[in-house]
Amino acid sequence: MPSLNKVLLMGNLTRDPELRVTPKGTPICQFSLAINRQFKMESGESREEVIFVDIEAWGKQGETIAKYLTKGRPLYVEGRLRLDQWEDKNTKERRSRMKVVLEQFQFLGDSRGAGAGGATVAPEVDQTAGNSPERHAPPPRAAGGAKPAAKENLDEDVPF
């Protein structure tokens, strides 16, 4: 039977990303997104609900997120769900937490900081190491709302 584990999220970071390194030297970045949903009740009253999703990004993707993003910045994330399970050391109870393992992401927002241009970062196969695959997309082009440059300055607007 076929199966699918794919998550698409867009939200704002709830805290600054936390970058750590595993004992084998692999970077891992952990952060959380707040995703807002607005809707109307049957009574016509507008309501808003917010969910918080824990996300982890491995390798260069995690390093990039930790370097350029801070609390409050918007981010688009594609990934897969993973269930972490453990036994609480104090209560000996079985605990679990659902989180998203990042596979691709895109910066969102204005040009203040890393949100400029919406660069996509997606996985690529790393033939040399057995760790998580990574690939970076080409440099971003000007945002859709940007006005075209004057004809005489056309060469200056080339993004590469």
Protein backbone atom coordinates (compact mmCIF):
# COMPACT_ATOMS: atom_id res chain seq x y z
CA MET A 1 0.00 0.00 0.00
CA PRO A 2 1.43 3.43 -0.89
CA SER A 3 2.07 5.95 1.84
CA LEU A 4 2.91 9.65 2.02
CA ASN A 5 4.49 11.72 4.77
CA LYS A 6 4.65 15.34 3.56
CA VAL A 7 4.08 18.55 5.50
CA LEU A 8 3.82 22.08 4.07
CA LEU A 9 3.85 24.94 6.58
CA MET A 10 4.13 28.71 6.51
CA GLY A 11 4.46 30.69 9.71
CA ASN A 12 6.66 32.82 11.95
CA LEU A 13 9.51 31.65 14.15
CA THR A 14 8.49 31.67 17.81
CA ARG A 15 12.09 31.94 19.06
CA ASP A 16 15.59 32.30 17.69
CA PRO A 17 16.80 29.06 16.07
CA GLU A 18 19.06 26.92 18.27
CA LEU A 19 22.04 25.41 16.45
CA ARG A 20 23.87 22.43 17.95
CA VAL A 21 26.33 19.89 16.59
CA THR A 22 26.06 16.12 17.06
CA PRO A 23 29.07 14.18 18.40
CA LYS A 24 29.81 13.16 14.79
CA GLY A 25 29.93 16.83 13.75
CA THR A 26 26.56 17.15 11.98
CA PRO A 27 24.81 20.49 12.59
CA ILE A 28 21.18 20.40 13.74
CA CYS A 29 18.99 23.47 14.09
CA GLN A 30 15.84 23.39 16.19
CA PHE A 31 13.13 26.03 16.09
CA SER A 32 9.38 26.40 16.26
CA LEU A 33 6.84 27.97 13.91
CA ALA A 34 3.59 29.66 14.89
CA ILE A 35 0.89 29.14 12.27
CA ASN A 36 -2.20 31.35 12.45
CA ARG A 37 -5.63 30.39 11.12
CA GLN A 38 -8.50 32.86 10.96
CA PHE A 39 -12.10 31.73 10.61
CA LYS A 40 -15.67 32.76 11.36
CA MET A 41 -17.88 31.04 13.88
CA GLU A 42 -21.48 30.12 13.02
CA SER A 43 -22.49 33.26 14.92
CA GLY A 44 -20.42 35.36 12.49
CA GLU A 45 -17.77 36.14 15.09
CA SER A 46 -14.21 36.16 13.73
CA ARG A 47 -11.81 33.86 15.56
CA GLU A 48 -8.14 33.05 15.30
CA GLU A 49 -6.32 29.93 16.38
CA VAL A 50 -2.58 29.50 16.58
CA ILE A 51 -0.70 26.23 16.50
CA PHE A 52 2.96 25.79 17.34
CA VAL A 53 5.06 23.24 15.45
CA ASP A 54 8.56 22.08 16.43
CA ILE A 55 10.94 21.77 13.48
CA GLU A 56 14.47 20.45 13.10
CA ALA A 57 16.79 21.13 10.17
CA TRP A 58 19.96 19.11 9.59
CA GLY A 59 23.26 20.01 7.94
CA LYS A 60 23.78 23.16 5.88
CA GLN A 61 20.07 23.91 5.81
CA GLY A 62 20.09 24.14 9.60
CA GLU A 63 23.21 26.32 9.55
CA THR A 64 21.56 28.66 7.02
CA ILE A 65 18.39 29.02 9.08
CA ALA A 66 20.36 29.66 12.28
CA LYS A 67 22.53 32.24 10.53
CA TYR A 68 19.82 34.29 8.84
CA LEU A 69 16.58 33.92 10.78
CA THR A 70 15.46 35.24 14.15
CA LYS A 71 12.31 35.21 16.25
CA GLY A 72 9.29 36.58 14.37
CA ARG A 73 10.66 36.03 10.86
CA PRO A 74 8.33 34.29 8.36
CA LEU A 75 9.39 30.97 6.81
CA TYR A 76 7.94 28.40 4.41
CA VAL A 77 8.84 24.80 5.29
CA GLU A 78 8.42 21.46 3.54
CA GLY A 79 9.22 18.35 5.50
CA ARG A 80 8.04 15.09 7.00
CA LEU A 81 6.50 14.18 10.33
CA ARG A 82 8.52 12.27 12.90
CA LEU A 83 7.36 10.98 16.26
CA ASP A 84 9.97 11.14 19.03
CA GLN A 85 9.32 8.80 21.98
CA TRP A 86 11.16 8.54 25.28
CA GLU A 87 10.72 7.67 28.92
CA ASP A 88 10.61 10.56 31.38
CA LYS A 89 13.53 10.16 33.81
CA ASN A 90 11.60 11.55 36.79
CA THR A 91 8.13 10.04 36.40
CA LYS A 92 9.10 6.99 34.30
CA GLU A 93 6.12 7.80 32.06
CA ARG A 94 6.25 7.19 28.33
CA ARG A 95 6.37 10.54 26.52
CA SER A 96 6.12 11.48 22.85
CA ARG A 97 6.29 14.54 20.66
CA MET A 98 5.46 15.02 17.00
CA LYS A 99 7.86 17.22 15.06
CA VAL A 100 8.66 18.11 11.47
CA VAL A 101 12.00 17.21 9.92
CA LEU A 102 12.78 19.94 7.39
CA GLU A 103 13.49 18.85 3.81
CA GLN A 104 13.15 22.20 2.00
CA PHE A 105 12.51 25.77 3.01
CA GLN A 106 12.01 29.23 1.55
CA PHE A 107 12.73 32.58 3.14
CA LEU A 108 9.72 34.90 3.14
CA GLY A 109 9.27 38.56 3.92
CA ASP A 110 10.97 41.84 3.13
CA SER A 111 14.61 42.72 2.48
CA ARG A 112 15.45 43.34 6.16
CA GLY A 113 17.60 40.34 6.95
CA ALA A 114 17.33 36.94 5.31
CA GLY A 115 13.77 37.18 4.08
CA ALA A 116 14.78 38.90 0.86
CA GLY A 117 13.83 37.36 -2.41
CA GLY A 118 12.47 34.02 -1.26
CA ALA A 119 15.45 31.76 -1.87
CA THR A 120 14.56 28.08 -1.86
CA VAL A 121 16.82 25.55 -0.23
CA ALA A 122 16.18 21.91 -1.14
CA PRO A 123 17.96 18.60 -0.58
CA GLU A 124 20.58 17.09 -2.86
CA VAL A 125 22.38 13.81 -2.61
CA ASP A 126 25.75 14.00 -0.85
CA GLN A 127 27.79 11.16 -2.35
CA THR A 128 30.74 11.54 0.02
CA ALA A 129 29.06 11.32 3.41
CA GLY A 130 26.22 9.19 4.65
CA ASN A 131 24.41 12.08 6.28
CA SER A 132 21.35 14.03 5.24
CA PRO A 133 21.27 15.23 1.61
CA GLU A 134 21.34 18.95 0.75
CA ARG A 135 21.10 21.27 -2.24
CA HIS A 136 20.87 25.02 -2.53
CA ALA A 137 18.84 26.65 -5.27
CA PRO A 138 20.15 29.41 -7.56
CA PRO A 139 20.24 32.96 -6.17
CA PRO A 140 16.84 34.63 -5.84
CA ARG A 141 15.51 37.05 -8.40
CA ALA A 142 13.97 40.39 -7.52
CA ALA A 143 10.64 40.18 -5.70
CA GLY A 144 7.50 40.22 -7.85
CA GLY A 145 6.61 43.76 -6.79
CA ALA A 146 9.94 45.22 -7.91
CA LYS A 147 9.78 47.79 -10.70
CA PRO A 148 11.81 47.07 -13.84
CA ALA A 149 15.11 48.92 -14.06
CA ALA A 150 15.69 51.66 -16.59
CA LYS A 151 16.91 50.33 -19.95
CA GLU A 152 20.40 51.80 -19.54
CA ASN A 153 20.90 50.06 -16.13
CA LEU A 154 19.65 46.65 -17.24
CA ASP A 155 22.98 44.84 -16.66
CA GLU A 156 23.18 46.03 -13.04
CA ASP A 157 20.01 44.14 -12.05
CA VAL A 158 21.28 40.69 -13.04
CA PRO A 159 21.23 38.59 -9.83
CA PHE A 160 24.44 36.66 -10.55
